[in-house]
N, C-alpha and C. Protein backbone atom coordinates (compact mmCIF):
# COMPACT_ATOMS: atom_id res chain seq x y z
N MET A 1 -7.80 1.92 1.22
CA MET A 1 -6.44 1.43 1.08
C MET A 1 -5.68 1.80 2.35
N PRO A 2 -5.68 0.97 3.35
CA PRO A 2 -5.01 1.30 4.62
C PRO A 2 -3.49 1.06 4.56
N VAL A 3 -2.77 1.97 3.91
CA VAL A 3 -1.32 1.83 3.76
C VAL A 3 -0.67 1.87 5.14
N GLN A 4 0.26 0.99 5.37
CA GLN A 4 0.97 0.92 6.64
C GLN A 4 2.32 1.63 6.59
N ARG A 5 3.01 1.55 5.45
CA ARG A 5 4.33 2.16 5.32
C ARG A 5 4.77 2.06 3.86
N LEU A 6 5.78 2.79 3.50
CA LEU A 6 6.40 2.68 2.18
C LEU A 6 7.28 1.44 2.17
N ASN A 7 7.08 0.54 1.23
CA ASN A 7 7.86 -0.69 1.18
C ASN A 7 9.23 -0.47 0.56
N HIS A 8 9.29 0.23 -0.56
CA HIS A 8 10.59 0.53 -1.19
C HIS A 8 10.42 1.67 -2.17
N ALA A 9 11.54 2.23 -2.56
CA ALA A 9 11.59 3.27 -3.58
C ALA A 9 12.57 2.82 -4.66
N VAL A 10 12.35 3.26 -5.88
CA VAL A 10 13.24 2.95 -7.00
C VAL A 10 13.65 4.27 -7.63
N LEU A 11 14.95 4.42 -7.84
CA LEU A 11 15.50 5.64 -8.44
C LEU A 11 16.24 5.30 -9.73
N TYR A 12 16.10 6.16 -10.73
CA TYR A 12 16.92 6.08 -11.92
C TYR A 12 18.19 6.88 -11.65
N VAL A 13 19.34 6.30 -11.92
CA VAL A 13 20.63 6.96 -11.68
C VAL A 13 21.50 6.86 -12.93
N ARG A 14 22.49 7.72 -13.01
CA ARG A 14 23.40 7.69 -14.15
C ARG A 14 24.34 6.48 -14.08
N ASP A 15 24.96 6.28 -12.92
CA ASP A 15 25.99 5.25 -12.74
C ASP A 15 25.64 4.43 -11.51
N VAL A 16 25.17 3.21 -11.72
CA VAL A 16 24.68 2.40 -10.60
C VAL A 16 25.78 2.07 -9.59
N GLU A 17 27.00 1.85 -10.05
CA GLU A 17 28.09 1.54 -9.11
C GLU A 17 28.40 2.75 -8.22
N ARG A 18 28.44 3.93 -8.82
CA ARG A 18 28.71 5.15 -8.05
C ARG A 18 27.59 5.39 -7.01
N SER A 19 26.36 5.24 -7.44
CA SER A 19 25.24 5.45 -6.52
C SER A 19 25.20 4.36 -5.44
N HIS A 20 25.48 3.13 -5.82
CA HIS A 20 25.54 2.04 -4.84
C HIS A 20 26.59 2.35 -3.78
N ALA A 21 27.76 2.79 -4.20
CA ALA A 21 28.83 3.11 -3.25
C ALA A 21 28.38 4.22 -2.30
N PHE A 22 27.68 5.23 -2.79
CA PHE A 22 27.20 6.32 -1.95
C PHE A 22 26.22 5.80 -0.90
N TYR A 23 25.20 5.10 -1.33
CA TYR A 23 24.19 4.63 -0.38
C TYR A 23 24.77 3.60 0.60
N ARG A 24 25.75 2.84 0.17
CA ARG A 24 26.42 1.88 1.05
C ARG A 24 27.35 2.58 2.03
N ASP A 25 28.24 3.40 1.53
CA ASP A 25 29.29 3.99 2.37
C ASP A 25 28.79 5.12 3.26
N VAL A 26 27.82 5.88 2.79
CA VAL A 26 27.34 7.03 3.56
C VAL A 26 26.16 6.67 4.45
N LEU A 27 25.21 5.90 3.92
CA LEU A 27 23.99 5.62 4.67
C LEU A 27 23.89 4.18 5.20
N GLY A 28 24.84 3.33 4.86
CA GLY A 28 24.85 1.98 5.42
C GLY A 28 23.95 0.97 4.75
N PHE A 29 23.42 1.27 3.55
CA PHE A 29 22.61 0.29 2.84
C PHE A 29 23.50 -0.87 2.38
N ARG A 30 22.93 -2.07 2.31
CA ARG A 30 23.68 -3.24 1.84
C ARG A 30 22.98 -3.85 0.62
N ALA A 31 23.76 -4.33 -0.33
CA ALA A 31 23.21 -4.92 -1.55
C ALA A 31 22.57 -6.27 -1.24
N LYS A 32 21.39 -6.46 -1.75
CA LYS A 32 20.69 -7.74 -1.63
C LYS A 32 20.73 -8.48 -2.96
N MET A 33 20.73 -7.73 -4.06
CA MET A 33 20.83 -8.33 -5.38
C MET A 33 21.43 -7.29 -6.32
N GLU A 34 22.34 -7.73 -7.17
CA GLU A 34 22.98 -6.83 -8.13
C GLU A 34 22.88 -7.39 -9.53
N ILE A 35 22.63 -6.52 -10.48
CA ILE A 35 22.71 -6.82 -11.90
C ILE A 35 23.78 -5.87 -12.41
N PRO A 36 25.05 -6.34 -12.51
CA PRO A 36 26.17 -5.44 -12.83
C PRO A 36 25.89 -4.54 -14.04
N GLY A 37 26.18 -3.25 -13.82
CA GLY A 37 26.00 -2.26 -14.87
C GLY A 37 24.56 -1.89 -15.15
N ALA A 38 23.60 -2.45 -14.39
CA ALA A 38 22.19 -2.18 -14.69
C ALA A 38 21.38 -1.79 -13.46
N ALA A 39 21.52 -2.55 -12.36
CA ALA A 39 20.65 -2.30 -11.21
C ALA A 39 21.24 -2.91 -9.95
N VAL A 40 20.80 -2.37 -8.83
CA VAL A 40 21.13 -2.94 -7.52
C VAL A 40 19.93 -2.71 -6.61
N PHE A 41 19.65 -3.71 -5.79
CA PHE A 41 18.56 -3.63 -4.83
C PHE A 41 19.18 -3.62 -3.44
N LEU A 42 18.89 -2.57 -2.67
CA LEU A 42 19.56 -2.33 -1.40
C LEU A 42 18.59 -2.45 -0.23
N GLN A 43 19.15 -2.89 0.89
CA GLN A 43 18.40 -3.00 2.14
C GLN A 43 19.01 -2.04 3.14
N ALA A 44 18.15 -1.29 3.84
CA ALA A 44 18.63 -0.37 4.87
C ALA A 44 19.21 -1.15 6.04
N GLU A 45 20.12 -0.53 6.74
CA GLU A 45 20.87 -1.16 7.83
C GLU A 45 19.99 -1.85 8.87
N GLY A 46 18.90 -1.23 9.29
CA GLY A 46 18.06 -1.81 10.33
C GLY A 46 16.84 -2.54 9.79
N SER A 47 16.78 -2.79 8.50
CA SER A 47 15.59 -3.34 7.87
C SER A 47 15.65 -4.86 7.71
N THR A 48 14.48 -5.47 7.72
CA THR A 48 14.35 -6.88 7.38
C THR A 48 13.59 -7.03 6.06
N ASN A 49 13.29 -5.91 5.43
CA ASN A 49 12.58 -5.90 4.15
C ASN A 49 13.45 -6.53 3.07
N ASP A 50 12.82 -7.13 2.06
CA ASP A 50 13.55 -7.70 0.93
C ASP A 50 14.51 -6.68 0.33
N HIS A 51 14.00 -5.49 0.05
CA HIS A 51 14.83 -4.36 -0.36
C HIS A 51 14.06 -3.08 -0.07
N ASP A 52 14.80 -2.03 0.23
CA ASP A 52 14.21 -0.74 0.56
C ASP A 52 14.45 0.29 -0.54
N LEU A 53 15.47 0.04 -1.36
CA LEU A 53 15.84 0.99 -2.40
C LEU A 53 16.36 0.23 -3.60
N GLY A 54 15.79 0.53 -4.76
CA GLY A 54 16.29 -0.01 -6.02
C GLY A 54 16.93 1.10 -6.81
N LEU A 55 18.06 0.83 -7.41
CA LEU A 55 18.75 1.79 -8.26
C LEU A 55 18.88 1.21 -9.66
N PHE A 56 18.37 1.92 -10.66
CA PHE A 56 18.42 1.46 -12.04
C PHE A 56 19.28 2.44 -12.84
N GLN A 57 20.29 1.93 -13.52
CA GLN A 57 21.21 2.77 -14.30
C GLN A 57 20.58 3.14 -15.63
N ILE A 58 20.66 4.44 -15.97
CA ILE A 58 20.19 4.87 -17.29
C ILE A 58 21.29 5.53 -18.11
N GLY A 59 22.50 5.64 -17.54
CA GLY A 59 23.65 6.10 -18.31
C GLY A 59 24.07 7.53 -18.07
N PRO A 60 25.30 7.85 -18.48
CA PRO A 60 25.90 9.16 -18.19
C PRO A 60 25.25 10.33 -18.94
N GLY A 61 24.50 10.05 -19.99
CA GLY A 61 23.87 11.12 -20.76
C GLY A 61 22.58 11.64 -20.16
N ALA A 62 22.13 11.02 -19.08
CA ALA A 62 20.87 11.45 -18.47
C ALA A 62 21.00 12.85 -17.89
N GLY A 63 20.03 13.67 -18.16
CA GLY A 63 20.03 15.04 -17.64
C GLY A 63 19.55 15.06 -16.20
N PRO A 64 19.71 16.20 -15.53
CA PRO A 64 19.25 16.34 -14.15
C PRO A 64 17.72 16.33 -14.09
N SER A 65 17.20 15.96 -12.95
CA SER A 65 15.75 15.98 -12.74
C SER A 65 15.25 17.41 -12.82
N GLU A 66 14.15 17.60 -13.50
CA GLU A 66 13.52 18.92 -13.59
C GLU A 66 12.34 19.02 -12.62
N ALA A 67 12.11 17.96 -11.83
CA ALA A 67 10.97 17.94 -10.91
C ALA A 67 11.04 19.12 -9.95
N GLY A 68 9.94 19.83 -9.85
CA GLY A 68 9.85 20.96 -8.94
C GLY A 68 10.36 22.26 -9.54
N ARG A 69 11.06 22.17 -10.65
CA ARG A 69 11.55 23.37 -11.33
C ARG A 69 10.74 23.60 -12.61
N ARG A 70 10.66 22.56 -13.43
CA ARG A 70 9.92 22.70 -14.70
C ARG A 70 8.89 21.60 -14.91
N THR A 71 8.99 20.53 -14.11
CA THR A 71 8.06 19.42 -14.28
C THR A 71 7.56 18.95 -12.91
N VAL A 72 6.49 18.20 -12.93
CA VAL A 72 6.03 17.57 -11.71
C VAL A 72 6.93 16.37 -11.43
N GLY A 73 6.94 15.89 -10.21
CA GLY A 73 7.74 14.72 -9.87
C GLY A 73 8.00 14.67 -8.38
N LEU A 74 8.70 13.68 -7.97
CA LEU A 74 9.00 13.47 -6.57
C LEU A 74 10.00 14.51 -6.07
N TYR A 75 9.71 15.12 -4.92
CA TYR A 75 10.63 16.10 -4.33
C TYR A 75 11.73 15.38 -3.58
N HIS A 76 11.36 14.54 -2.60
CA HIS A 76 12.39 13.78 -1.89
C HIS A 76 11.78 12.59 -1.17
N LEU A 77 12.65 11.67 -0.80
CA LEU A 77 12.30 10.54 0.06
C LEU A 77 12.73 10.91 1.46
N ALA A 78 12.06 10.36 2.47
CA ALA A 78 12.45 10.63 3.85
C ALA A 78 12.59 9.30 4.59
N TRP A 79 13.76 9.11 5.19
CA TRP A 79 14.00 7.93 6.01
C TRP A 79 14.08 8.34 7.46
N GLU A 80 13.51 7.53 8.32
CA GLU A 80 13.46 7.83 9.74
C GLU A 80 14.48 6.98 10.49
N VAL A 81 15.20 7.60 11.43
CA VAL A 81 16.14 6.88 12.28
C VAL A 81 15.59 6.81 13.70
N ASP A 82 16.11 5.87 14.49
CA ASP A 82 15.58 5.62 15.84
C ASP A 82 16.05 6.62 16.89
N THR A 83 17.26 7.14 16.77
CA THR A 83 17.80 7.98 17.84
C THR A 83 18.48 9.23 17.27
N LEU A 84 18.62 10.22 18.12
CA LEU A 84 19.36 11.42 17.73
C LEU A 84 20.84 11.11 17.55
N ALA A 85 21.35 10.13 18.29
CA ALA A 85 22.76 9.71 18.10
C ALA A 85 22.96 9.19 16.68
N GLU A 86 21.99 8.44 16.18
CA GLU A 86 22.07 7.93 14.81
C GLU A 86 21.96 9.08 13.82
N LEU A 87 21.10 10.05 14.10
CA LEU A 87 20.98 11.21 13.21
C LEU A 87 22.30 11.98 13.17
N ALA A 88 22.97 12.11 14.31
CA ALA A 88 24.27 12.80 14.37
C ALA A 88 25.32 12.02 13.59
N ARG A 89 25.30 10.70 13.70
CA ARG A 89 26.26 9.86 12.95
C ARG A 89 26.06 10.05 11.45
N ILE A 90 24.81 10.07 11.02
CA ILE A 90 24.52 10.24 9.60
C ILE A 90 24.87 11.66 9.15
N ARG A 91 24.61 12.65 9.98
CA ARG A 91 25.01 14.03 9.65
C ARG A 91 26.51 14.09 9.36
N ASP A 92 27.31 13.45 10.22
CA ASP A 92 28.75 13.48 10.04
C ASP A 92 29.17 12.77 8.76
N ALA A 93 28.52 11.65 8.44
CA ALA A 93 28.83 10.93 7.20
C ALA A 93 28.44 11.75 5.98
N LEU A 94 27.30 12.42 6.04
CA LEU A 94 26.87 13.27 4.93
C LEU A 94 27.81 14.45 4.75
N LEU A 95 28.27 15.03 5.85
CA LEU A 95 29.25 16.13 5.76
C LEU A 95 30.54 15.66 5.11
N ARG A 96 31.04 14.50 5.54
CA ARG A 96 32.28 13.95 4.94
C ARG A 96 32.12 13.71 3.45
N ALA A 97 30.93 13.30 3.03
CA ALA A 97 30.67 13.02 1.62
C ALA A 97 30.34 14.28 0.82
N GLY A 98 30.22 15.43 1.50
CA GLY A 98 29.84 16.66 0.81
C GLY A 98 28.41 16.63 0.30
N ALA A 99 27.55 15.85 0.94
CA ALA A 99 26.18 15.64 0.46
C ALA A 99 25.12 16.40 1.25
N LEU A 100 25.45 16.89 2.44
CA LEU A 100 24.47 17.57 3.28
C LEU A 100 24.14 18.94 2.68
N VAL A 101 22.85 19.20 2.47
CA VAL A 101 22.43 20.48 1.89
C VAL A 101 21.55 21.29 2.84
N GLY A 102 21.14 20.71 3.97
CA GLY A 102 20.32 21.44 4.92
C GLY A 102 20.04 20.64 6.16
N ALA A 103 19.66 21.34 7.23
CA ALA A 103 19.30 20.71 8.50
C ALA A 103 18.23 21.58 9.14
N SER A 104 17.04 21.02 9.32
CA SER A 104 15.91 21.81 9.79
C SER A 104 15.27 21.21 11.04
N ASP A 105 14.81 22.11 11.89
CA ASP A 105 14.04 21.74 13.07
C ASP A 105 12.59 22.10 12.77
N HIS A 106 11.75 21.08 12.62
CA HIS A 106 10.33 21.27 12.34
C HIS A 106 9.52 21.02 13.62
N ALA A 107 10.08 21.36 14.76
CA ALA A 107 9.48 21.18 16.09
C ALA A 107 9.37 19.70 16.46
N THR A 108 8.49 18.96 15.84
CA THR A 108 8.34 17.54 16.19
C THR A 108 9.19 16.62 15.32
N THR A 109 9.87 17.18 14.34
CA THR A 109 10.75 16.41 13.46
C THR A 109 12.08 17.14 13.33
N LYS A 110 13.16 16.39 13.50
CA LYS A 110 14.52 16.93 13.34
C LYS A 110 15.05 16.32 12.05
N ALA A 111 15.36 17.14 11.04
CA ALA A 111 15.60 16.63 9.70
C ALA A 111 16.90 17.10 9.08
N LEU A 112 17.56 16.16 8.41
CA LEU A 112 18.73 16.45 7.58
C LEU A 112 18.30 16.29 6.13
N TYR A 113 18.79 17.17 5.27
CA TYR A 113 18.50 17.08 3.84
C TYR A 113 19.82 16.93 3.11
N ALA A 114 19.82 16.02 2.14
CA ALA A 114 21.05 15.75 1.41
C ALA A 114 20.74 15.38 -0.03
N GLN A 115 21.80 15.31 -0.83
CA GLN A 115 21.65 14.90 -2.22
C GLN A 115 22.63 13.79 -2.53
N ASP A 116 22.15 12.81 -3.31
CA ASP A 116 23.01 11.71 -3.75
C ASP A 116 23.86 12.18 -4.93
N PRO A 117 24.72 11.32 -5.49
CA PRO A 117 25.61 11.77 -6.58
C PRO A 117 24.90 12.31 -7.82
N ASP A 118 23.62 11.96 -8.02
CA ASP A 118 22.86 12.48 -9.16
C ASP A 118 22.03 13.71 -8.79
N GLY A 119 22.18 14.19 -7.56
CA GLY A 119 21.43 15.36 -7.13
C GLY A 119 20.02 15.04 -6.67
N ILE A 120 19.71 13.76 -6.49
CA ILE A 120 18.39 13.36 -6.00
C ILE A 120 18.35 13.64 -4.50
N GLU A 121 17.38 14.44 -4.09
CA GLU A 121 17.32 14.85 -2.68
C GLU A 121 16.64 13.79 -1.84
N PHE A 122 17.10 13.68 -0.60
CA PHE A 122 16.47 12.81 0.39
C PHE A 122 16.58 13.46 1.75
N GLU A 123 15.78 12.96 2.67
CA GLU A 123 15.74 13.45 4.05
C GLU A 123 16.01 12.29 4.98
N VAL A 124 16.72 12.55 6.06
CA VAL A 124 16.87 11.60 7.15
C VAL A 124 16.39 12.33 8.39
N SER A 125 15.43 11.73 9.10
CA SER A 125 14.82 12.46 10.21
C SER A 125 14.62 11.60 11.45
N TRP A 126 14.47 12.30 12.55
CA TRP A 126 14.12 11.72 13.85
C TRP A 126 12.85 12.40 14.29
N LEU A 127 11.85 11.61 14.69
CA LEU A 127 10.57 12.15 15.11
C LEU A 127 10.45 12.12 16.62
N LEU A 128 9.99 13.21 17.15
CA LEU A 128 9.76 13.31 18.59
C LEU A 128 8.74 12.26 19.01
N PRO A 129 9.02 11.49 20.08
CA PRO A 129 8.03 10.52 20.56
C PRO A 129 6.77 11.24 21.04
N ALA A 130 5.63 10.58 20.92
CA ALA A 130 4.34 11.20 21.26
C ALA A 130 4.31 11.74 22.69
N ASN A 131 4.93 11.04 23.63
CA ASN A 131 4.88 11.48 25.02
C ASN A 131 5.69 12.76 25.28
N LEU A 132 6.51 13.18 24.32
CA LEU A 132 7.28 14.41 24.47
C LEU A 132 6.71 15.58 23.66
N ILE A 133 5.62 15.32 22.95
CA ILE A 133 4.98 16.39 22.18
C ILE A 133 4.05 17.15 23.12
N THR A 134 4.47 18.33 23.48
CA THR A 134 3.74 19.16 24.43
C THR A 134 3.21 20.40 23.72
N PRO A 135 2.30 21.13 24.36
CA PRO A 135 1.84 22.39 23.75
C PRO A 135 2.99 23.36 23.48
N GLU A 136 4.00 23.36 24.34
CA GLU A 136 5.15 24.25 24.13
C GLU A 136 5.90 23.89 22.84
N VAL A 137 5.99 22.60 22.56
CA VAL A 137 6.66 22.15 21.33
C VAL A 137 5.80 22.48 20.12
N THR A 138 4.52 22.17 20.18
CA THR A 138 3.67 22.32 18.99
C THR A 138 3.30 23.77 18.68
N GLU A 139 3.43 24.67 19.65
CA GLU A 139 3.09 26.07 19.34
C GLU A 139 4.05 26.64 18.31
N GLY A 140 5.25 26.09 18.20
CA GLY A 140 6.20 26.54 17.19
C GLY A 140 6.25 25.62 15.98
N ALA A 141 5.32 24.67 15.91
CA ALA A 141 5.37 23.65 14.86
C ALA A 141 5.24 24.21 13.45
N ALA A 142 4.57 25.32 13.28
CA ALA A 142 4.41 25.90 11.95
C ALA A 142 5.69 26.58 11.48
N MET A 143 6.60 26.84 12.39
CA MET A 143 7.85 27.51 12.06
C MET A 143 8.96 26.48 11.86
N THR A 144 9.75 26.67 10.85
CA THR A 144 10.93 25.84 10.64
C THR A 144 12.15 26.68 10.99
N SER A 145 13.05 26.08 11.76
CA SER A 145 14.27 26.79 12.12
C SER A 145 15.48 25.90 11.82
N ALA A 146 16.64 26.49 11.90
CA ALA A 146 17.87 25.72 11.69
C ALA A 146 18.01 24.69 12.80
N LEU A 147 18.42 23.50 12.44
CA LEU A 147 18.57 22.42 13.41
C LEU A 147 19.89 22.56 14.15
N ASP A 148 19.82 22.62 15.47
CA ASP A 148 21.00 22.56 16.33
C ASP A 148 20.97 21.17 16.96
N LEU A 149 21.56 20.23 16.28
CA LEU A 149 21.47 18.83 16.68
C LEU A 149 22.07 18.57 18.06
N ASP A 150 23.17 19.23 18.37
CA ASP A 150 23.78 19.05 19.69
C ASP A 150 22.83 19.52 20.79
N ARG A 151 22.14 20.64 20.56
CA ARG A 151 21.17 21.13 21.54
C ARG A 151 20.00 20.16 21.70
N GLU A 152 19.54 19.57 20.60
CA GLU A 152 18.43 18.61 20.66
C GLU A 152 18.84 17.34 21.38
N ILE A 153 20.10 16.92 21.22
CA ILE A 153 20.61 15.76 21.96
C ILE A 153 20.63 16.06 23.45
N GLU A 154 21.06 17.25 23.82
CA GLU A 154 21.04 17.64 25.24
C GLU A 154 19.61 17.66 25.78
N ARG A 155 18.70 18.15 24.98
CA ARG A 155 17.30 18.31 25.41
C ARG A 155 16.57 16.97 25.54
N TYR A 156 16.74 16.08 24.53
CA TYR A 156 15.96 14.84 24.49
C TYR A 156 16.75 13.57 24.80
N GLY A 157 18.08 13.66 24.76
CA GLY A 157 18.92 12.50 25.00
C GLY A 157 19.31 11.82 23.70
N ALA A 158 20.55 11.40 23.61
CA ALA A 158 21.08 10.80 22.39
C ALA A 158 20.42 9.47 22.04
N GLN A 159 19.98 8.72 23.06
CA GLN A 159 19.45 7.38 22.82
C GLN A 159 17.93 7.29 22.95
N THR A 160 17.23 8.41 23.08
CA THR A 160 15.78 8.39 23.16
C THR A 160 15.22 7.88 21.84
N ARG A 161 14.39 6.86 21.92
CA ARG A 161 13.83 6.26 20.71
C ARG A 161 12.78 7.19 20.12
N GLY A 162 12.98 7.57 18.89
CA GLY A 162 12.09 8.51 18.21
C GLY A 162 10.88 7.85 17.60
N GLY A 163 9.84 8.65 17.39
CA GLY A 163 8.65 8.20 16.67
C GLY A 163 7.70 7.32 17.45
N VAL A 164 8.03 6.98 18.69
CA VAL A 164 7.18 6.08 19.47
C VAL A 164 5.82 6.75 19.71
N GLY A 165 4.77 6.07 19.31
CA GLY A 165 3.42 6.61 19.43
C GLY A 165 3.05 7.52 18.28
N VAL A 166 3.97 7.72 17.34
CA VAL A 166 3.72 8.56 16.17
C VAL A 166 3.82 7.68 14.92
N SER A 167 5.03 7.24 14.58
CA SER A 167 5.24 6.37 13.42
C SER A 167 5.57 4.94 13.85
N VAL A 168 5.86 4.75 15.11
CA VAL A 168 6.21 3.46 15.68
C VAL A 168 5.19 3.16 16.79
N PRO A 169 4.61 1.97 16.79
CA PRO A 169 3.63 1.67 17.87
C PRO A 169 4.24 1.83 19.25
N ALA A 170 3.44 2.34 20.18
CA ALA A 170 3.91 2.55 21.55
C ALA A 170 4.05 1.22 22.29
């Protein structure tokens, strides 16, 4: 099964309108199809996919996810952005929304962690292009440190295209 990429994800949410507003206003997703009060199918800002995220409403009585605490289940989704400037823009939007819960430097990946209105965690990341992955970078790859995004922008440039030769063809 030679999987090329994740086509879309579907999440169960308490209030589809509230979740739609979050993914639209904070992350720039746009609605491709809506079933009022039941579901919405969203497309990411830079995507040509039919939809990248489906949200299905299950109502206000739904309890929080127990995945990772008491049950098995999905930990988080991770979306990749093209530039560190875009990662900084999303960081600022997540901060304004009170949704940012962490920011980590994984050496070759610069990652923001956040939660949507239902507490579903997701990651937004920028991947170091293959030509910038050096032994000096990878020797610290097993260590995770706090992300200093401004320092990474100075180091790699705000408009350097991420993931080239790693997740994006060279």
